[in-house]
Structure formats: structure tokens, C-alpha cells
Amino acid sequence: MVIGALVLVGAAALAFSPGFRLAPPVAFGDELTVDLTEGDHAIYVTPSDRWSDIECTGTLPGGGELMLRPDMLQQAIAVPEAWDAQGSFSLGVASPGTITCDGPLADGRFTVGPVVSFFTVVGAVLLAVPGILLVIAGAVVAVVQARRPWVARTEPPPG
């Protein structure tokens, strides 16, 4: 049962930890300066009622322009707040970058964080299923052992 609980904690960390690694969000129209590590990053927006009307631009290391790639496998982040994926980009070197998003939503905000793909979500589910089964099996074993009458076992005297 303990192993199952640990597996469930791992699945939850895989599924929910990206939401806690987001840059502090800023309002649409403001500029976000963020230290970016090498690798893939995503831009998330909230609300995204008019996703196609939201435009994000920015400058990256060496003066290059931000080129967002629409990624149909990219998933939204639900914890600790709901963020919808706007697109992703990749960096070859770690460096600060500036990003601006704007759209027709007065209360819109955006942020940058790790890419959460469909495969990340599937991995968390595939990890959670055996965790749930182990917890259930552990609980059943514990209940069965608790209901069994205690029988004193004695060894016959040597002899």
C-alpha cells in the first residue's frame, strides 16, 4: 500500500508540477522578462476565449525573434490556476528573453513555463493506474488480516 501511495505521488508530481514552475504572469500588453534554460518552453494564457486573436512576440538570445510553433499535442495546465497553451518554442542556449502577448481580452494574462505534452499526461495516467491498484490491493490485504482471528502459534516442546 505504501509503494502504491508513493507511485501515486509520483504521478501527481508528473501531472501537476509544471503549474508550479511558471514564471510570474503579467497582463496582456506588458513585457515579461524571464531567464530561460536551454530546451523547450511554452507560453500559456488565461483566459483564452479568443485563442486565435492572441498574439505573442519576443526577442531571444542573440536578438532573434520568438517563433512560436503551434503544437497540437501541447496540453493546458490546471494547477494551481487554469492556463491554456498558446504555443511553444525551443532554445539552444540558456539566456534571458523578453516576451509580450496581446489580445482583445481586457483581463488577459500570460506566462512562460515548461511544455506539457499529451504524452506527459498519458505518462502520469499510466503511472497512476498501477499506483491505484497497489493501494487497493494493500487495503484489501490489510482488511483481510485485520478480520482474521489471531491464532497463537506454539511449537511443540523439543523432544
N, C-alpha and C. Protein backbone atom coordinates (compact mmCIF):
# COMPACT_ATOMS: atom_id res chain seq x y z
N MET A 1 0.83 -1.19 0.00
CA MET A 1 0.00 0.00 0.00
C MET A 1 0.87 1.25 0.00
N VAL A 2 1.97 1.22 0.73
CA VAL A 2 2.87 2.37 0.79
C VAL A 2 3.51 2.61 -0.57
N ILE A 3 3.90 1.53 -1.24
CA ILE A 3 4.50 1.67 -2.57
C ILE A 3 3.49 2.28 -3.53
N GLY A 4 2.24 1.84 -3.46
CA GLY A 4 1.19 2.41 -4.30
C GLY A 4 1.00 3.90 -4.05
N ALA A 5 1.04 4.28 -2.78
CA ALA A 5 0.90 5.70 -2.44
C ALA A 5 2.07 6.51 -3.00
N LEU A 6 3.27 5.95 -2.94
CA LEU A 6 4.44 6.64 -3.49
C LEU A 6 4.34 6.77 -5.01
N VAL A 7 3.83 5.73 -5.66
CA VAL A 7 3.64 5.79 -7.11
C VAL A 7 2.60 6.86 -7.46
N LEU A 8 1.54 6.96 -6.67
CA LEU A 8 0.53 8.00 -6.90
C LEU A 8 1.10 9.40 -6.71
N VAL A 9 1.95 9.56 -5.72
CA VAL A 9 2.61 10.86 -5.51
C VAL A 9 3.48 11.21 -6.72
N GLY A 10 4.18 10.22 -7.25
CA GLY A 10 5.00 10.44 -8.45
C GLY A 10 4.15 10.84 -9.64
N ALA A 11 3.01 10.19 -9.81
CA ALA A 11 2.10 10.52 -10.92
C ALA A 11 1.56 11.94 -10.76
N ALA A 12 1.21 12.31 -9.54
CA ALA A 12 0.70 13.66 -9.28
C ALA A 12 1.79 14.70 -9.55
N ALA A 13 3.02 14.41 -9.16
CA ALA A 13 4.12 15.34 -9.42
C ALA A 13 4.34 15.52 -10.92
N LEU A 14 4.27 14.42 -11.66
CA LEU A 14 4.44 14.49 -13.11
C LEU A 14 3.33 15.31 -13.75
N ALA A 15 2.11 15.15 -13.26
CA ALA A 15 0.97 15.83 -13.86
C ALA A 15 0.86 17.30 -13.43
N PHE A 16 1.15 17.59 -12.17
CA PHE A 16 0.84 18.92 -11.65
C PHE A 16 2.04 19.84 -11.43
N SER A 17 3.25 19.31 -11.39
CA SER A 17 4.40 20.17 -11.08
C SER A 17 4.66 21.26 -12.10
N PRO A 18 4.36 21.08 -13.40
CA PRO A 18 4.60 22.19 -14.33
C PRO A 18 3.87 23.47 -13.94
N GLY A 19 2.70 23.35 -13.34
CA GLY A 19 1.94 24.53 -12.93
C GLY A 19 2.64 25.34 -11.86
N PHE A 20 3.53 24.71 -11.11
CA PHE A 20 4.26 25.41 -10.05
C PHE A 20 5.60 25.93 -10.54
N ARG A 21 5.92 25.70 -11.83
CA ARG A 21 7.18 26.16 -12.39
C ARG A 21 6.98 27.24 -13.44
N LEU A 22 5.87 27.92 -13.37
CA LEU A 22 5.58 29.01 -14.31
C LEU A 22 6.22 30.31 -13.85
N ALA A 23 6.61 31.13 -14.81
CA ALA A 23 7.10 32.47 -14.47
C ALA A 23 5.93 33.28 -13.92
N PRO A 24 6.20 34.31 -13.11
CA PRO A 24 5.10 35.15 -12.62
C PRO A 24 4.35 35.75 -13.81
N PRO A 25 3.02 35.60 -13.85
CA PRO A 25 2.26 36.09 -15.00
C PRO A 25 2.20 37.61 -15.06
N VAL A 26 2.03 38.10 -16.28
CA VAL A 26 1.86 39.54 -16.49
C VAL A 26 0.64 39.75 -17.39
N ALA A 27 0.12 40.97 -17.38
CA ALA A 27 -1.07 41.32 -18.16
C ALA A 27 -0.73 41.41 -19.65
N PHE A 28 -1.73 41.14 -20.48
CA PHE A 28 -1.57 41.32 -21.92
C PHE A 28 -1.09 42.75 -22.18
N GLY A 29 -0.15 42.87 -23.09
CA GLY A 29 0.40 44.17 -23.43
C GLY A 29 1.66 44.50 -22.66
N ASP A 30 1.86 43.87 -21.50
CA ASP A 30 3.09 44.09 -20.73
C ASP A 30 4.20 43.19 -21.26
N GLU A 31 5.41 43.52 -20.89
CA GLU A 31 6.57 42.74 -21.31
C GLU A 31 7.03 41.85 -20.17
N LEU A 32 7.25 40.59 -20.47
CA LEU A 32 7.73 39.63 -19.49
C LEU A 32 9.19 39.32 -19.80
N THR A 33 10.07 39.62 -18.85
CA THR A 33 11.47 39.25 -19.00
C THR A 33 11.72 38.05 -18.10
N VAL A 34 12.22 36.99 -18.69
CA VAL A 34 12.37 35.74 -17.96
C VAL A 34 13.69 35.08 -18.33
N ASP A 35 14.34 34.47 -17.33
CA ASP A 35 15.55 33.69 -17.58
C ASP A 35 15.12 32.33 -18.10
N LEU A 36 15.54 32.01 -19.30
CA LEU A 36 15.14 30.77 -19.95
C LEU A 36 16.29 29.78 -19.97
N THR A 37 16.00 28.55 -19.65
CA THR A 37 17.00 27.49 -19.73
C THR A 37 17.05 26.95 -21.15
N GLU A 38 18.05 26.17 -21.43
CA GLU A 38 18.14 25.52 -22.73
C GLU A 38 17.01 24.49 -22.85
N GLY A 39 16.41 24.38 -24.01
CA GLY A 39 15.37 23.38 -24.22
C GLY A 39 14.04 24.00 -24.61
N ASP A 40 12.98 23.21 -24.41
CA ASP A 40 11.64 23.62 -24.82
C ASP A 40 10.93 24.42 -23.73
N HIS A 41 10.18 25.41 -24.18
CA HIS A 41 9.38 26.26 -23.29
C HIS A 41 8.02 26.49 -23.94
N ALA A 42 7.05 26.86 -23.14
CA ALA A 42 5.71 27.12 -23.66
C ALA A 42 5.18 28.44 -23.13
N ILE A 43 4.33 29.04 -23.89
CA ILE A 43 3.62 30.24 -23.47
C ILE A 43 2.19 29.83 -23.16
N TYR A 44 1.73 30.25 -21.98
CA TYR A 44 0.37 29.94 -21.53
C TYR A 44 -0.39 31.24 -21.32
N VAL A 45 -1.67 31.23 -21.64
CA VAL A 45 -2.51 32.41 -21.50
C VAL A 45 -3.77 32.07 -20.72
N THR A 46 -4.33 33.08 -20.09
CA THR A 46 -5.63 32.93 -19.45
C THR A 46 -6.33 34.27 -19.47
N PRO A 47 -7.57 34.39 -19.74
CA PRO A 47 -8.39 33.34 -20.36
C PRO A 47 -8.06 33.26 -21.83
N SER A 48 -8.49 32.21 -22.48
CA SER A 48 -8.18 32.05 -23.90
C SER A 48 -9.46 31.91 -24.72
N ASP A 49 -10.47 32.68 -24.35
CA ASP A 49 -11.74 32.61 -25.06
C ASP A 49 -11.58 32.89 -26.56
N ARG A 50 -10.61 33.71 -26.88
CA ARG A 50 -10.36 34.07 -28.28
C ARG A 50 -8.92 33.73 -28.62
N TRP A 51 -8.59 32.45 -28.54
CA TRP A 51 -7.23 31.95 -28.69
C TRP A 51 -6.58 32.46 -29.97
N SER A 52 -7.30 32.42 -31.07
CA SER A 52 -6.70 32.79 -32.36
C SER A 52 -6.41 34.29 -32.47
N ASP A 53 -6.99 35.10 -31.59
CA ASP A 53 -6.75 36.55 -31.63
C ASP A 53 -5.61 36.99 -30.72
N ILE A 54 -5.02 36.06 -29.99
CA ILE A 54 -3.92 36.38 -29.08
C ILE A 54 -2.61 36.22 -29.85
N GLU A 55 -1.78 37.24 -29.78
CA GLU A 55 -0.51 37.21 -30.49
C GLU A 55 0.63 37.44 -29.51
N CYS A 56 1.64 36.60 -29.60
CA CYS A 56 2.81 36.71 -28.73
C CYS A 56 4.05 36.96 -29.58
N THR A 57 4.86 37.92 -29.14
CA THR A 57 6.11 38.24 -29.81
C THR A 57 7.20 38.34 -28.76
N GLY A 58 8.44 38.36 -29.20
CA GLY A 58 9.52 38.50 -28.24
C GLY A 58 10.88 38.44 -28.89
N THR A 59 11.89 38.72 -28.07
CA THR A 59 13.27 38.61 -28.52
C THR A 59 13.97 37.58 -27.66
N LEU A 60 14.81 36.83 -28.30
CA LEU A 60 15.53 35.75 -27.65
C LEU A 60 17.03 35.99 -27.77
N PRO A 61 17.85 35.10 -27.21
CA PRO A 61 19.29 35.28 -27.24
C PRO A 61 19.81 35.61 -28.64
N GLY A 62 20.75 36.52 -28.70
CA GLY A 62 21.35 36.91 -29.96
C GLY A 62 20.46 37.82 -30.79
N GLY A 63 19.38 38.33 -30.19
CA GLY A 63 18.49 39.24 -30.89
C GLY A 63 17.49 38.55 -31.80
N GLY A 64 17.42 37.23 -31.75
CA GLY A 64 16.46 36.51 -32.59
C GLY A 64 15.03 36.75 -32.14
N GLU A 65 14.11 36.61 -33.08
CA GLU A 65 12.69 36.80 -32.77
C GLU A 65 12.07 35.50 -32.29
N LEU A 66 11.13 35.64 -31.39
CA LEU A 66 10.38 34.49 -30.87
C LEU A 66 9.54 33.90 -32.00
N MET A 67 9.72 32.62 -32.25
CA MET A 67 8.93 31.92 -33.25
C MET A 67 8.13 30.84 -32.54
N LEU A 68 6.86 31.12 -32.28
CA LEU A 68 6.00 30.14 -31.60
C LEU A 68 5.57 29.08 -32.59
N ARG A 69 5.66 27.84 -32.17
CA ARG A 69 5.14 26.76 -33.01
C ARG A 69 3.85 26.26 -32.37
N PRO A 70 2.79 26.22 -33.14
CA PRO A 70 1.56 25.65 -32.61
C PRO A 70 1.77 24.15 -32.46
N ASP A 71 1.48 23.64 -31.32
CA ASP A 71 1.73 22.23 -31.03
C ASP A 71 0.42 21.60 -30.60
N MET A 72 -0.13 20.75 -31.45
CA MET A 72 -1.43 20.15 -31.17
C MET A 72 -1.36 19.15 -30.02
N LEU A 73 -0.16 18.73 -29.63
CA LEU A 73 -0.01 17.79 -28.52
C LEU A 73 0.17 18.50 -27.19
N GLN A 74 0.36 19.81 -27.24
CA GLN A 74 0.59 20.57 -26.02
C GLN A 74 -0.70 20.69 -25.23
N GLN A 75 -0.59 20.50 -23.93
CA GLN A 75 -1.77 20.49 -23.06
C GLN A 75 -1.80 21.72 -22.16
N ALA A 76 -2.98 22.03 -21.67
CA ALA A 76 -3.16 23.13 -20.74
C ALA A 76 -2.66 22.73 -19.36
N ILE A 77 -2.46 23.71 -18.51
CA ILE A 77 -2.05 23.47 -17.12
C ILE A 77 -3.24 23.84 -16.24
N ALA A 78 -3.57 22.96 -15.31
CA ALA A 78 -4.78 23.17 -14.50
C ALA A 78 -4.48 23.57 -13.06
N VAL A 79 -3.26 23.34 -12.58
CA VAL A 79 -2.95 23.60 -11.17
C VAL A 79 -1.74 24.50 -11.10
N PRO A 80 -1.67 25.50 -10.26
CA PRO A 80 -2.67 25.94 -9.30
C PRO A 80 -3.73 26.84 -9.92
N GLU A 81 -3.60 27.17 -11.21
CA GLU A 81 -4.57 28.02 -11.90
C GLU A 81 -4.70 27.47 -13.32
N ALA A 82 -5.82 27.72 -13.97
CA ALA A 82 -6.04 27.22 -15.33
C ALA A 82 -5.31 28.10 -16.35
N TRP A 83 -4.41 27.48 -17.11
CA TRP A 83 -3.66 28.17 -18.16
C TRP A 83 -3.80 27.36 -19.44
N ASP A 84 -4.11 28.03 -20.54
CA ASP A 84 -4.22 27.36 -21.82
C ASP A 84 -2.95 27.57 -22.64
N ALA A 85 -2.53 26.51 -23.31
CA ALA A 85 -1.31 26.56 -24.11
C ALA A 85 -1.52 27.43 -25.35
N GLN A 86 -0.61 28.35 -25.57
CA GLN A 86 -0.67 29.22 -26.74
C GLN A 86 0.29 28.73 -27.82
N GLY A 87 1.39 28.14 -27.44
CA GLY A 87 2.39 27.64 -28.37
C GLY A 87 3.68 27.38 -27.63
N SER A 88 4.67 26.83 -28.34
CA SER A 88 5.94 26.51 -27.69
C SER A 88 7.10 26.99 -28.56
N PHE A 89 8.27 27.04 -27.95
CA PHE A 89 9.49 27.42 -28.65
C PHE A 89 10.66 26.71 -27.98
N SER A 90 11.77 26.67 -28.67
CA SER A 90 12.94 25.96 -28.17
C SER A 90 14.15 26.88 -28.21
N LEU A 91 15.04 26.72 -27.21
CA LEU A 91 16.28 27.50 -27.15
C LEU A 91 17.48 26.56 -27.16
N GLY A 92 18.52 26.97 -27.87
CA GLY A 92 19.74 26.18 -27.90
C GLY A 92 20.67 26.50 -26.74
N VAL A 93 20.52 27.69 -26.16
CA VAL A 93 21.36 28.10 -25.03
C VAL A 93 20.51 28.80 -23.98
N ALA A 94 20.92 28.72 -22.74
CA ALA A 94 20.21 29.41 -21.66
C ALA A 94 20.46 30.91 -21.78
N SER A 95 19.41 31.69 -21.59
CA SER A 95 19.55 33.13 -21.72
C SER A 95 18.26 33.82 -21.30
N PRO A 96 18.34 35.10 -20.90
CA PRO A 96 17.10 35.83 -20.64
C PRO A 96 16.42 36.17 -21.97
N GLY A 97 15.12 36.28 -21.92
CA GLY A 97 14.35 36.66 -23.09
C GLY A 97 13.21 37.56 -22.67
N THR A 98 12.69 38.33 -23.63
CA THR A 98 11.53 39.18 -23.34
C THR A 98 10.40 38.76 -24.26
N ILE A 99 9.22 38.65 -23.68
CA ILE A 99 8.05 38.19 -24.42
C ILE A 99 6.88 39.11 -24.11
N THR A 100 6.07 39.38 -25.13
CA THR A 100 4.86 40.17 -24.97
C THR A 100 3.73 39.44 -25.67
N CYS A 101 2.60 39.35 -25.01
CA CYS A 101 1.40 38.79 -25.62
C CYS A 101 0.30 39.85 -25.52
N ASP A 102 -0.52 39.90 -26.54
CA ASP A 102 -1.62 40.85 -26.53
C ASP A 102 -2.82 40.23 -27.22
N GLY A 103 -3.97 40.69 -26.82
CA GLY A 103 -5.21 40.17 -27.39
C GLY A 103 -6.38 41.03 -26.97
N PRO A 104 -7.57 40.69 -27.44
CA PRO A 104 -8.76 41.51 -27.20
C PRO A 104 -9.40 41.31 -25.84
N LEU A 105 -8.72 40.64 -24.93
CA LEU A 105 -9.28 40.38 -23.60
C LEU A 105 -8.68 41.34 -22.60
N ALA A 106 -9.51 42.13 -21.96
CA ALA A 106 -9.02 43.15 -21.03
C ALA A 106 -8.34 42.56 -19.82
N ASP A 107 -8.80 41.41 -19.35
CA ASP A 107 -8.23 40.82 -18.15
C ASP A 107 -7.26 39.68 -18.45
N GLY A 108 -6.79 39.58 -19.71
CA GLY A 108 -5.90 38.50 -20.11
C GLY A 108 -4.52 38.62 -19.50
N ARG A 109 -3.93 37.48 -19.20
CA ARG A 109 -2.56 37.42 -18.68
C ARG A 109 -1.82 36.30 -19.40
N PHE A 110 -0.49 36.34 -19.36
CA PHE A 110 0.31 35.28 -19.97
C PHE A 110 1.52 34.99 -19.10
N THR A 111 2.11 33.83 -19.35
CA THR A 111 3.29 33.40 -18.61
C THR A 111 4.07 32.41 -19.47
N VAL A 112 5.26 32.06 -19.00
CA VAL A 112 6.11 31.09 -19.69
C VAL A 112 6.42 29.97 -18.72
N GLY A 113 6.46 28.75 -19.23
CA GLY A 113 6.75 27.61 -18.38
C GLY A 113 7.16 26.39 -19.19
N PRO A 114 7.22 25.25 -18.53
CA PRO A 114 7.61 24.02 -19.23
C PRO A 114 6.50 23.54 -20.16
N VAL A 115 6.89 22.83 -21.19
CA VAL A 115 5.93 22.26 -22.13
C VAL A 115 5.30 21.03 -21.49
N VAL A 116 3.98 21.01 -21.47
CA VAL A 116 3.24 19.83 -21.01
C VAL A 116 2.60 19.22 -22.25
N SER A 117 3.10 18.05 -22.63
CA SER A 117 2.60 17.42 -23.84
C SER A 117 1.54 16.37 -23.50
N PHE A 118 0.85 15.92 -24.52
CA PHE A 118 -0.13 14.86 -24.38
C PHE A 118 0.53 13.62 -23.76
N PHE A 119 1.78 13.38 -24.15
CA PHE A 119 2.50 12.20 -23.65
C PHE A 119 2.84 12.32 -22.17
N THR A 120 3.03 13.54 -21.68
CA THR A 120 3.24 13.75 -20.25
C THR A 120 1.99 13.36 -19.47
N VAL A 121 0.84 13.77 -19.98
CA VAL A 121 -0.42 13.44 -19.34
C VAL A 121 -0.67 11.93 -19.37
N VAL A 122 -0.42 11.31 -20.53
CA VAL A 122 -0.59 9.86 -20.64
C VAL A 122 0.37 9.15 -19.69
N GLY A 123 1.61 9.63 -19.58
CA GLY A 123 2.57 9.03 -18.66
C GLY A 123 2.10 9.11 -17.22
N ALA A 124 1.52 10.25 -16.84
CA ALA A 124 1.01 10.39 -15.47
C ALA A 124 -0.14 9.41 -15.22
N VAL A 125 -1.01 9.25 -16.21
CA VAL A 125 -2.13 8.31 -16.06
C VAL A 125 -1.61 6.88 -15.98
N LEU A 126 -0.66 6.54 -16.85
CA LEU A 126 -0.10 5.18 -16.83
C LEU A 126 0.64 4.89 -15.53
N LEU A 127 1.16 5.89 -14.90
CA LEU A 127 1.82 5.72 -13.60
C LEU A 127 0.78 5.65 -12.48
N ALA A 128 -0.31 6.39 -12.62
CA ALA A 128 -1.33 6.41 -11.58
C ALA A 128 -2.12 5.11 -11.50
N VAL A 129 -2.36 4.46 -12.63
CA VAL A 129 -3.17 3.23 -12.63
C VAL A 129 -2.55 2.14 -11.76
N PRO A 130 -1.26 1.79 -11.95
CA PRO A 130 -0.70 0.77 -11.04
C PRO A 130 -0.64 1.26 -9.59
N GLY A 131 -0.45 2.55 -9.39
CA GLY A 131 -0.45 3.09 -8.03
C GLY A 131 -1.79 2.87 -7.34
N ILE A 132 -2.87 3.14 -8.07
CA ILE A 132 -4.21 2.92 -7.51
C ILE A 132 -4.42 1.44 -7.21
N LEU A 133 -4.01 0.58 -8.15
CA LEU A 133 -4.17 -0.87 -7.94
C LEU A 133 -3.37 -1.36 -6.73
N LEU A 134 -2.18 -0.83 -6.55
CA LEU A 134 -1.37 -1.22 -5.39
C LEU A 134 -2.00 -0.74 -4.09
N VAL A 135 -2.55 0.45 -4.08
CA VAL A 135 -3.22 0.97 -2.88
C VAL A 135 -4.45 0.10 -2.55
N ILE A 136 -5.23 -0.23 -3.58
CA ILE A 136 -6.42 -1.08 -3.36
C ILE A 136 -6.01 -2.45 -2.85
N ALA A 137 -5.00 -3.05 -3.48
CA ALA A 137 -4.54 -4.38 -3.04
C ALA A 137 -4.02 -4.33 -1.61
N GLY A 138 -3.28 -3.29 -1.28
CA GLY A 138 -2.77 -3.14 0.09
C GLY A 138 -3.90 -2.98 1.09
N ALA A 139 -4.93 -2.23 0.73
CA ALA A 139 -6.08 -2.04 1.62
C ALA A 139 -6.83 -3.35 1.82
N VAL A 140 -7.01 -4.12 0.75
CA VAL A 140 -7.70 -5.41 0.86
C VAL A 140 -6.92 -6.36 1.76
N VAL A 141 -5.61 -6.43 1.57
CA VAL A 141 -4.77 -7.29 2.42
C VAL A 141 -4.87 -6.85 3.87
N ALA A 142 -4.83 -5.55 4.12
CA ALA A 142 -4.91 -5.05 5.50
C ALA A 142 -6.26 -5.41 6.13
N VAL A 143 -7.35 -5.27 5.38
CA VAL A 143 -8.67 -5.61 5.91
C VAL A 143 -8.78 -7.10 6.18
N VAL A 144 -8.30 -7.93 5.27
CA VAL A 144 -8.36 -9.38 5.47
C VAL A 144 -7.55 -9.79 6.69
N GLN A 145 -6.37 -9.23 6.84
CA GLN A 145 -5.55 -9.57 8.01
C GLN A 145 -6.18 -9.08 9.30
N ALA A 146 -6.86 -7.96 9.26
CA ALA A 146 -7.49 -7.44 10.47
C ALA A 146 -8.70 -8.28 10.87
N ARG A 147 -9.35 -8.88 9.92
CA ARG A 147 -10.54 -9.66 10.21
C ARG A 147 -10.22 -11.11 10.59
N ARG A 148 -9.03 -11.57 10.28
CA ARG A 148 -8.63 -12.93 10.65
C ARG A 148 -8.45 -13.01 12.15
N PRO A 149 -8.99 -14.05 12.76
CA PRO A 149 -8.76 -14.18 14.20
C PRO A 149 -7.29 -14.47 14.46
N TRP A 150 -6.85 -13.92 15.54
CA TRP A 150 -5.45 -14.13 15.90
C TRP A 150 -5.33 -15.52 16.50
N VAL A 151 -4.45 -16.29 15.95
CA VAL A 151 -4.24 -17.66 16.42
C VAL A 151 -2.84 -17.73 16.99
N ALA A 152 -2.80 -18.15 18.26
CA ALA A 152 -1.48 -18.29 18.87
C ALA A 152 -0.81 -19.54 18.30
N ARG A 153 0.38 -19.36 17.88
CA ARG A 153 1.13 -20.49 17.35
C ARG A 153 2.14 -20.91 18.40
N THR A 154 2.07 -22.17 18.71
CA THR A 154 3.02 -22.68 19.68
C THR A 154 3.77 -23.85 19.06
N GLU A 155 4.97 -23.92 19.40
CA GLU A 155 5.81 -25.03 18.94
C GLU A 155 5.74 -26.14 19.97
N PRO A 156 5.66 -27.36 19.51
CA PRO A 156 5.72 -28.45 20.49
C PRO A 156 7.07 -28.45 21.20
N PRO A 157 7.07 -28.80 22.44
CA PRO A 157 8.35 -28.78 23.17
C PRO A 157 9.34 -29.72 22.51
N PRO A 158 10.60 -29.34 22.54
CA PRO A 158 11.60 -30.19 21.91
C PRO A 158 11.65 -31.54 22.65
N GLY A 159 11.83 -32.51 21.86
CA GLY A 159 11.97 -33.68 22.44
C GLY A 159 11.88 -34.97 22.63
